[in-house]
Protein backbone atom coordinates (compact mmCIF):
# COMPACT_ATOMS: atom_id res chain seq x y z
CA UNK A 1 0.00 0.00 0.00
CA UNK A 2 1.59 3.27 -1.12
CA UNK A 3 1.36 6.63 0.60
CA UNK A 4 -1.74 7.67 -1.34
CA UNK A 5 -3.60 4.54 -0.24
CA UNK A 6 -2.40 4.98 3.33
CA UNK A 7 -3.68 8.56 3.40
CA UNK A 8 -7.06 7.58 1.94
CA UNK A 9 -7.56 4.70 4.37
CA UNK A 10 -6.56 6.84 7.32
CA UNK A 11 -9.10 9.47 6.27
CA UNK A 12 -11.86 6.82 6.03
CA UNK A 13 -11.00 5.68 9.56
CA UNK A 14 -11.02 9.27 10.83
CA UNK A 15 -14.50 9.98 9.47
CA UNK A 16 -16.02 6.54 10.00
CA UNK A 17 -18.20 7.47 12.98
CA UNK A 18 -19.65 10.29 10.89
CA UNK A 19 -20.22 7.81 8.04
CA UNK A 20 -22.20 5.51 10.34
CA UNK A 21 -24.27 8.46 11.57
CA UNK A 22 -24.90 9.50 7.95
CA UNK A 23 -26.14 6.02 7.04
CA UNK A 24 -28.38 5.90 10.12
CA UNK A 25 -30.02 9.18 9.11
CA UNK A 26 -30.68 7.82 5.60
CA UNK A 27 -32.28 4.66 7.00
CA UNK A 28 -34.54 6.70 9.31
CA UNK A 29 -36.40 8.28 6.38
CA UNK A 30 -38.68 5.60 4.84
CA UNK A 31 -38.58 5.15 1.07
CA UNK A 32 -41.01 2.25 0.58
CA UNK A 33 -41.55 1.68 -3.13
CA UNK A 34 -44.43 1.22 -3.66
CA UNK A 35 -45.86 3.73 -2.96
CA UNK A 36 -42.68 5.54 -3.98
CA UNK A 37 -42.97 8.99 -2.39
CA UNK A 38 -39.23 9.50 -2.23
CA UNK A 39 -38.66 13.22 -2.70
CA UNK A 40 -38.53 13.74 1.13
CA UNK A 41 -35.60 11.32 1.36
CA UNK A 42 -33.80 13.11 -1.44
CA UNK A 43 -34.24 16.39 0.44
CA UNK A 44 -32.90 14.89 3.66
CA UNK A 45 -29.94 13.40 1.80
CA UNK A 46 -29.23 16.73 0.13
CA UNK A 47 -29.32 18.52 3.48
CA UNK A 48 -26.80 16.08 4.94
CA UNK A 49 -24.51 16.36 1.90
CA UNK A 50 -24.72 20.14 1.92
CA UNK A 51 -23.73 20.16 5.59
CA UNK A 52 -20.50 18.43 4.50
CA UNK A 53 -19.78 21.27 2.08
CA UNK A 54 -20.83 19.37 -1.04
CA UNK A 55 -22.82 21.12 -3.77
CA UNK A 56 -25.98 19.18 -4.53
CA UNK A 57 -28.04 19.40 -7.70
CA UNK A 58 -31.75 18.54 -7.35
CA UNK A 59 -33.33 17.01 -10.45
CA UNK A 60 -37.07 16.40 -9.88
CA UNK A 61 -38.75 14.17 -12.46
CA UNK A 62 -41.98 15.73 -13.85
CA UNK A 63 -45.05 14.60 -11.91
CA UNK A 64 -46.83 13.20 -14.97
CA UNK A 65 -43.88 10.91 -15.75
CA UNK A 66 -43.68 9.81 -12.12
CA UNK A 67 -47.39 8.98 -11.93
CA UNK A 68 -47.25 7.13 -15.26
CA UNK A 69 -44.65 4.81 -13.71
CA UNK A 70 -46.82 4.15 -10.66
CA UNK A 71 -44.80 6.29 -8.24
CA UNK A 72 -45.60 9.45 -6.27
CA UNK A 73 -42.44 11.57 -6.32
CA UNK A 74 -38.87 11.20 -7.61
CA UNK A 75 -36.08 13.71 -7.14
CA UNK A 76 -32.66 12.54 -8.26
CA UNK A 77 -29.48 14.08 -6.88
CA UNK A 78 -26.11 14.75 -8.51
CA UNK A 79 -22.96 15.88 -6.71
CA UNK A 80 -20.04 16.81 -8.96
CA UNK A 81 -16.52 17.40 -7.70
CA UNK A 82 -13.89 18.28 -10.26
CA UNK A 83 -10.29 17.73 -9.22
CA UNK A 84 -8.75 18.52 -12.61
CA UNK A 85 -8.66 17.43 -16.24
CA UNK A 86 -9.35 13.73 -16.57
CA UNK A 87 -12.10 11.14 -16.68
CA UNK A 88 -15.52 11.61 -15.12
CA UNK A 89 -16.43 8.67 -12.90
CA UNK A 90 -19.99 8.32 -11.66
CA UNK A 91 -20.94 6.49 -8.47
CA UNK A 92 -24.62 5.46 -8.46
CA UNK A 93 -26.76 4.11 -5.62
CA UNK A 94 -30.54 4.04 -5.18
CA UNK A 95 -32.48 5.19 -2.14
CA UNK A 96 -35.81 3.49 -2.85
CA UNK A 97 -36.49 0.18 -1.08
CA UNK A 98 -39.13 -2.53 -0.95
CA UNK A 99 -41.58 -2.24 1.97
CA UNK A 100 -40.27 -3.92 5.13
CA UNK A 101 -42.90 -6.65 5.49
CA UNK A 102 -43.30 -8.79 8.61
CA UNK A 103 -40.88 -10.65 10.86
CA UNK A 104 -38.53 -7.89 11.98
CA UNK A 105 -36.89 -8.16 15.39
CA UNK A 106 -35.35 -4.68 15.01
CA UNK A 107 -37.26 -1.57 13.91
CA UNK A 108 -36.88 -1.30 10.13
CA UNK A 109 -36.42 2.48 10.19
CA UNK A 110 -34.26 3.10 13.25
CA UNK A 111 -30.75 2.20 12.09
CA UNK A 112 -30.06 0.34 15.32
CA UNK A 113 -26.57 -1.09 15.81
CA UNK A 114 -26.14 -4.42 17.59
CA UNK A 115 -23.09 -6.67 17.56
CA UNK A 116 -21.28 -4.50 15.04
CA UNK A 117 -24.20 -4.59 12.57
CA UNK A 118 -26.67 -1.89 11.60
CA UNK A 119 -30.24 -3.09 11.04
CA UNK A 120 -32.81 -1.39 8.85
CA UNK A 121 -34.55 -1.46 5.50
CA UNK A 122 -32.13 -0.30 2.83
CA UNK A 123 -29.08 -0.52 5.07
CA UNK A 124 -27.53 -3.10 2.73
CA UNK A 125 -29.23 -2.32 -0.60
CA UNK A 126 -28.37 0.39 -1.23
CA UNK A 127 -28.43 3.28 1.22
CA UNK A 128 -25.13 1.89 2.49
CA UNK A 129 -23.53 2.94 -0.79
CA UNK A 130 -24.79 6.49 -0.40
CA UNK A 131 -22.40 6.39 2.55
CA UNK A 132 -19.67 4.36 0.82
CA UNK A 133 -19.47 6.70 -2.15
CA UNK A 134 -19.91 9.95 -0.21
CA UNK A 135 -17.13 9.18 2.23
CA UNK A 136 -14.85 7.81 -0.50
CA UNK A 137 -15.26 11.21 -2.18
CA UNK A 138 -14.53 12.99 1.10
CA UNK A 139 -11.34 10.94 1.45
CA UNK A 140 -10.27 12.00 -2.05
CA UNK A 141 -10.99 15.63 -1.17
CA UNK A 142 -8.75 15.33 1.88
CA UNK A 143 -6.03 13.75 -0.26
CA UNK A 144 -6.20 16.61 -2.76
CA UNK A 145 -6.22 19.19 0.03
CA UNK A 146 -3.02 17.63 1.37
CA UNK A 147 -1.31 18.34 -1.95
CA UNK A 148 -1.76 15.23 -4.09
CA UNK A 149 -2.83 16.25 -7.62
CA UNK A 150 -5.84 14.35 -8.93
CA UNK A 151 -7.00 14.40 -12.56
CA UNK A 152 -10.70 13.92 -13.15
CA UNK A 153 -14.20 14.43 -11.78
CA UNK A 154 -16.24 12.34 -9.37
CA UNK A 155 -20.03 12.44 -9.63
CA UNK A 156 -22.42 11.01 -7.06
CA UNK A 157 -25.71 9.89 -8.62
CA UNK A 158 -28.33 9.20 -5.93
CA UNK A 159 -31.56 8.04 -7.55
CA UNK A 160 -34.96 6.77 -6.46
CA UNK A 161 -36.70 4.27 -8.72
CA UNK A 162 -34.48 1.20 -9.03
CA UNK A 163 -37.23 -1.00 -7.56
CA UNK A 164 -39.42 0.04 -10.53
CA UNK A 165 -36.68 -0.37 -13.12
CA UNK A 166 -34.49 2.73 -12.94
CA UNK A 167 -35.93 4.50 -15.97
CA UNK A 168 -36.72 7.60 -13.86
CA UNK A 169 -33.37 7.39 -12.07
CA UNK A 170 -30.16 6.85 -14.06
CA UNK A 171 -32.18 6.36 -17.24
CA UNK A 172 -33.78 9.79 -16.87
CA UNK A 173 -30.54 11.57 -15.92
CA UNK A 174 -28.75 10.09 -18.94
CA UNK A 175 -31.58 10.78 -21.40
CA UNK A 176 -31.91 14.37 -20.21
CA UNK A 177 -28.20 14.91 -20.85
CA UNK A 178 -27.59 15.81 -17.23
CA UNK A 179 -24.59 13.51 -17.05
CA UNK A 180 -22.26 11.67 -19.41
CA UNK A 181 -19.59 9.91 -17.38
CA UNK A 182 -16.66 8.00 -18.84
CA UNK A 183 -16.89 5.21 -16.25
CA UNK A 184 -19.31 4.26 -13.52
CA UNK A 185 -19.55 2.14 -10.39
CA UNK A 186 -23.00 0.98 -9.32
CA UNK A 187 -24.20 -0.10 -5.90
CA UNK A 188 -22.93 -3.52 -4.83
CA UNK A 189 -24.22 -6.10 -2.41
CA UNK A 190 -21.41 -8.59 -1.79
CA UNK A 191 -17.62 -8.92 -1.75
CA UNK A 192 -17.71 -9.88 -5.42
CA UNK A 193 -17.50 -7.32 -8.22
CA UNK A 194 -20.44 -7.75 -10.56
CA UNK A 195 -19.72 -7.25 -14.27
CA UNK A 196 -22.88 -8.84 -15.75
CA UNK A 197 -26.44 -9.50 -14.70
CA UNK A 198 -29.73 -10.85 -15.98
CA UNK A 199 -32.36 -8.85 -17.76
CA UNK A 200 -36.00 -8.94 -16.73
CA UNK A 201 -39.35 -8.93 -18.51
CA UNK A 202 -42.48 -8.28 -16.45
CA UNK A 203 -46.05 -8.67 -17.68
CA UNK A 204 -49.43 -8.02 -16.18
CA UNK A 205 -51.94 -10.50 -17.59
CA UNK A 206 -55.65 -9.81 -17.01
CA UNK A 207 -58.25 -12.51 -17.61
CA UNK A 208 -61.83 -11.31 -18.07
CA UNK A 209 -64.92 -13.46 -17.55
CA UNK A 210 -68.47 -12.72 -16.44
CA UNK A 211 -69.68 -12.32 -12.86
CA UNK A 212 -72.47 -14.50 -11.46
CA UNK A 213 -73.95 -15.49 -8.11
CA UNK A 214 -72.00 -18.31 -6.50
CA UNK A 215 -75.27 -20.24 -6.15
CA UNK A 216 -75.64 -20.17 -9.94
CA UNK A 217 -72.07 -20.30 -11.30
CA UNK A 218 -73.24 -21.68 -14.64
CA UNK A 219 -74.73 -18.28 -15.47
CA UNK A 220 -71.32 -16.62 -15.45
CA UNK A 221 -67.83 -17.17 -16.86
CA UNK A 222 -65.28 -17.87 -14.14
CA UNK A 223 -62.03 -16.03 -14.84
CA UNK A 224 -60.08 -17.92 -12.18
CA UNK A 225 -59.82 -21.41 -13.78
CA UNK A 226 -58.84 -19.76 -17.05
CA UNK A 227 -56.11 -17.75 -15.29
CA UNK A 228 -54.85 -20.91 -13.60
CA UNK A 229 -54.55 -22.75 -16.91
CA UNK A 230 -52.60 -19.85 -18.43
CA UNK A 231 -50.29 -19.79 -15.41
CA UNK A 232 -49.81 -23.57 -15.71
CA UNK A 233 -48.77 -23.12 -19.34
CA UNK A 234 -46.28 -20.45 -18.35
CA UNK A 235 -44.80 -22.53 -15.55
CA UNK A 236 -44.43 -25.47 -17.95
CA UNK A 237 -41.78 -23.34 -19.67
CA UNK A 238 -39.49 -23.96 -16.72
CA UNK A 239 -38.55 -27.33 -18.21
CA UNK A 240 -37.35 -25.62 -21.38
CA UNK A 241 -35.57 -22.89 -19.47
CA UNK A 242 -33.55 -25.45 -17.52
CA UNK A 243 -31.89 -26.41 -20.81
CA UNK A 244 -30.72 -22.83 -21.50
CA UNK A 245 -27.64 -22.31 -19.41
CA UNK A 246 -25.63 -19.12 -19.27
CA UNK A 247 -21.86 -19.17 -19.73
CA UNK A 248 -21.52 -16.26 -17.26
CA UNK A 249 -20.28 -17.27 -13.81
CA UNK A 250 -22.93 -16.56 -11.18
CA UNK A 251 -25.82 -16.79 -13.66
CA UNK A 252 -27.60 -20.09 -14.19
CA UNK A 253 -30.75 -20.35 -16.32
CA UNK A 254 -33.75 -18.19 -17.20
CA UNK A 255 -36.48 -18.19 -14.56
CA UNK A 256 -40.19 -17.47 -14.49
CA UNK A 257 -42.34 -16.49 -11.53
CA UNK A 258 -45.86 -15.26 -10.88
CA UNK A 259 -45.42 -12.96 -7.93
CA UNK A 260 -48.82 -11.34 -7.55
CA UNK A 261 -52.40 -12.46 -8.18
CA UNK A 262 -55.60 -10.56 -7.51
CA UNK A 263 -59.22 -10.70 -8.60
CA UNK A 264 -62.83 -11.28 -7.73
CA UNK A 265 -65.22 -9.03 -5.84
CA UNK A 266 -66.61 -11.19 -3.02
CA UNK A 267 -66.65 -14.75 -1.73
CA UNK A 268 -70.15 -15.41 -3.07
CA UNK A 269 -69.49 -14.04 -6.57
CA UNK A 270 -67.98 -15.84 -9.55
CA UNK A 271 -64.87 -13.76 -10.35
CA UNK A 272 -65.22 -11.81 -13.55
CA UNK A 273 -61.62 -10.62 -13.51
CA UNK A 274 -58.30 -12.11 -12.39
CA UNK A 275 -54.95 -10.46 -13.01
CA UNK A 276 -51.48 -11.68 -12.28
CA UNK A 277 -47.99 -10.27 -12.63
CA UNK A 278 -45.23 -12.32 -14.20
CA UNK A 279 -41.46 -11.99 -13.87
CA UNK A 280 -39.21 -13.59 -16.51
CA UNK A 281 -35.46 -13.31 -15.97
CA UNK A 282 -33.40 -13.07 -19.17
CA UNK A 283 -29.86 -14.45 -19.25
CA UNK A 284 -27.23 -12.36 -21.10
CA UNK A 285 -27.15 -14.74 -24.06
CA UNK A 286 -30.86 -14.32 -24.80
CA UNK A 287 -32.43 -11.76 -27.14
CA UNK A 288 -35.00 -9.78 -25.11
CA UNK A 289 -37.18 -9.19 -28.16
CA UNK A 290 -37.33 -12.93 -28.85
CA UNK A 291 -38.03 -13.66 -25.19
CA UNK A 292 -41.02 -11.32 -25.17
CA UNK A 293 -42.38 -12.75 -28.42
CA UNK A 294 -42.05 -16.29 -27.07
CA UNK A 295 -43.84 -15.46 -23.84
CA UNK A 296 -46.68 -13.70 -25.63
CA UNK A 297 -47.01 -16.74 -27.88
CA UNK A 298 -47.29 -19.08 -24.89
CA UNK A 299 -50.03 -16.91 -23.37
CA UNK A 300 -51.91 -16.68 -26.67
CA UNK A 301 -51.75 -20.45 -27.20
CA UNK A 302 -53.01 -21.11 -23.68
CA UNK A 303 -55.87 -18.68 -24.24
CA UNK A 304 -56.77 -20.30 -27.56
CA UNK A 305 -56.90 -23.72 -25.87
CA UNK A 306 -59.41 -22.60 -23.24
CA UNK A 307 -62.80 -24.25 -23.46
CA UNK A 308 -64.43 -21.40 -21.51
CA UNK A 309 -66.46 -19.34 -23.93
CA UNK A 310 -66.42 -15.63 -23.22
CA UNK A 311 -62.96 -15.46 -21.65
CA UNK A 312 -60.76 -12.64 -22.96
CA UNK A 313 -57.28 -11.60 -21.94
CA UNK A 314 -55.11 -8.50 -21.91
CA UNK A 315 -51.30 -8.58 -21.75
CA UNK A 316 -49.48 -5.44 -20.64
CA UNK A 317 -45.72 -5.13 -20.51
CA UNK A 318 -44.66 -3.55 -17.21
CA UNK A 319 -40.89 -3.70 -17.65
CA UNK A 320 -38.24 -4.79 -20.11
CA UNK A 321 -34.82 -4.49 -18.52
CA UNK A 322 -31.97 -5.62 -20.71
CA UNK A 323 -29.13 -7.71 -19.31
CA UNK A 324 -25.86 -6.08 -18.31
CA UNK A 325 -22.78 -7.17 -20.25
CA UNK A 326 -19.30 -5.71 -19.72
CA UNK A 327 -18.19 -2.92 -22.06
CA UNK A 328 -14.58 -2.20 -23.07
CA UNK A 329 -13.04 -0.01 -20.39
CA UNK A 330 -14.71 -1.77 -17.45
CA UNK A 331 -11.53 -3.74 -16.86
CA UNK A 332 -9.78 -0.65 -15.45
CA UNK A 333 -12.45 -0.36 -12.78
CA UNK A 334 -12.37 -4.09 -12.19
CA UNK A 335 -8.61 -4.31 -11.73
CA UNK A 336 -8.45 -1.35 -9.37
CA UNK A 337 -11.33 -2.59 -7.22
CA UNK A 338 -10.06 -6.18 -7.12
CA UNK A 339 -6.58 -5.09 -6.06
CA UNK A 340 -7.79 -3.09 -3.08
CA UNK A 341 -10.65 -5.44 -2.16
CA UNK A 342 -8.20 -8.32 -1.88
CA UNK A 343 -6.01 -6.24 0.42
CA UNK A 344 -8.92 -5.27 2.64
CA UNK A 345 -10.67 -8.68 2.79
CA UNK A 346 -7.58 -10.89 2.70
CA UNK A 347 -9.04 -12.99 -0.11
CA UNK A 348 -9.27 -12.96 -3.88
CA UNK A 349 -12.39 -11.07 -4.94
CA UNK A 350 -13.94 -12.49 -8.11
CA UNK A 351 -15.62 -10.80 -11.02
CA UNK A 352 -18.98 -12.45 -11.47
CA UNK A 353 -22.50 -12.19 -12.79
CA UNK A 354 -25.69 -12.14 -10.79
CA UNK A 355 -29.21 -13.38 -11.59
CA UNK A 356 -30.61 -10.09 -10.28
CA UNK A 357 -31.10 -7.05 -12.49
CA UNK A 358 -30.17 -3.50 -11.59
CA UNK A 359 -30.30 0.00 -13.02
CA UNK A 360 -26.58 -0.33 -13.84
CA UNK A 361 -27.74 -1.68 -17.20
CA UNK A 362 -28.90 1.83 -18.13
CA UNK A 363 -25.35 3.15 -17.99
CA UNK A 364 -24.29 0.23 -20.17
CA UNK A 365 -27.06 1.00 -22.68
CA UNK A 366 -25.75 4.58 -22.82
CA UNK A 367 -22.26 3.27 -23.62
CA UNK A 368 -20.77 3.85 -20.16
CA UNK A 369 -18.59 0.98 -18.83
CA UNK A 370 -19.84 0.05 -15.36
CA UNK A 371 -19.23 -2.51 -12.64
CA UNK A 372 -21.10 -3.04 -9.38
CA UNK A 373 -19.25 -2.81 -6.09
CA UNK A 374 -20.03 -1.45 -2.66
CA UNK A 375 -20.71 -2.36 0.94
CA UNK A 376 -21.94 -5.88 1.52
CA UNK A 377 -21.13 -9.32 2.96
CA UNK A 378 -19.70 -12.26 1.07
CA UNK A 379 -23.16 -13.08 -0.31
CA UNK A 380 -26.33 -11.01 -0.61
CA UNK A 381 -28.28 -13.64 1.37
CA UNK A 382 -26.18 -12.89 4.46
CA UNK A 383 -27.49 -9.31 4.47
CA UNK A 384 -31.18 -10.32 4.50
CA UNK A 385 -31.69 -7.87 1.64
CA UNK A 386 -35.41 -7.49 0.86
CA UNK A 387 -36.17 -9.69 3.90
CA UNK A 388 -36.79 -8.99 7.57
CA UNK A 389 -33.86 -7.75 9.64
CA UNK A 390 -31.85 -6.47 6.68
CA UNK A 391 -28.44 -5.63 8.10
CA UNK A 392 -24.89 -4.60 7.30
CA UNK A 393 -21.71 -5.42 9.13
CA UNK A 394 -20.13 -2.04 9.81
CA UNK A 395 -16.66 -3.45 9.20
CA UNK A 396 -17.83 -4.25 5.66
CA UNK A 397 -18.94 -0.64 5.24
CA UNK A 398 -15.52 0.57 6.37
CA UNK A 399 -13.72 -1.87 4.07
CA UNK A 400 -15.83 -1.02 1.03
CA UNK A 401 -15.30 2.72 1.55
CA UNK A 402 -11.54 2.20 1.64
CA UNK A 403 -11.63 0.00 -1.45
CA UNK A 404 -13.66 2.52 -3.47
CA UNK A 405 -11.55 5.47 -2.30
CA UNK A 406 -8.28 3.74 -3.16
CA UNK A 407 -9.54 2.48 -6.53
CA UNK A 408 -10.69 5.98 -7.44
CA UNK A 409 -7.36 7.34 -6.23
CA UNK A 410 -5.60 5.02 -8.69
CA UNK A 411 -7.86 6.05 -11.57
CA UNK A 412 -7.47 9.78 -10.89
CA UNK A 413 -3.69 9.68 -10.53
CA UNK A 414 -2.94 7.38 -13.47
CA UNK A 415 -5.81 7.92 -15.95
CA UNK A 416 -4.77 6.99 -19.51
CA UNK A 417 -5.91 9.01 -22.49
CA UNK A 418 -7.71 5.96 -23.87
CA UNK A 419 -10.81 6.49 -21.74
CA UNK A 420 -11.34 10.15 -22.70
């Protein structure tokens, strides 16, 4: 570890109590999505960043666009700090979270610390990386103030709709021309550095029948059995998907899941409407257009095979998120992060894929090389992400902040012309 790395790590240690307090304050402001009323959290985050002397840009998404995506408010934040001529590197994390659900033994919005772990919704994914990236930037500022010349700009992108696909977060910032980084690091959730991930197609399928009294069901058209037969046809695809294996480490096969079903009006009424939401994960080798066409064909064939006269269906695409594949230039990020992560964890840190999907893909689609790395345990399951008692080992937060700060220090002191 050279003197630059020593200085950066010492600065992270010096400010670590403040970093923990910062994360706790972020956890204390709920950002359940749905419903997705997240502008108050953006304001609180901006206030905290401004108190550190950082200049914060507020970028509210127009209300009509927000409502069209099923959310209530989205304000994205950008912090830009220019050290000198050189590459612009964006650090993106999302503040929106899934609702906490049941089974918590610690309050989900208190940021309590027990046994060296902080508990709370979003503490692992990905409010922790608001802290990781902010305090990595602060360490770089201290390094520059001490006389080390740095060449480049660091941008913090804190966004608020990853749980709904990211189109109003990074997607919106990029499409509006508000940012155009050369490289990017997205929020992580394990020791590994993610360079690829699955895509995702989500449908809402609505089956329409005809209501009738439960005492005279023959006078109606029951939408529920028809919906069940369509779902059965979709789940039968799992056998075919098991034969499509990805060559990317960490990614297995395509998956299909019906995660939400609703319908009917009362117990004594034949349901005239049943809708369900379908999630189809797309491995990097698959063509998303072909995947959607295949799935629509399966639904249409199942509908055509129904013997129930009077049943109609509607299919609405909710989301099409393309898979993330590494772009040329990502290897510079990867090498720098791996080098420092191995030093901090004492083990080789792999580059891998993940079956999840993230809004990092939107940087990739805009031509920006990106990898995912931030605070997290060895595996995402250890953090209880999206489950009760989500938590983060504070030592992992400290380590990740040092890794990111040192990797950025390398990139801003030895940035080749090839990435400009």
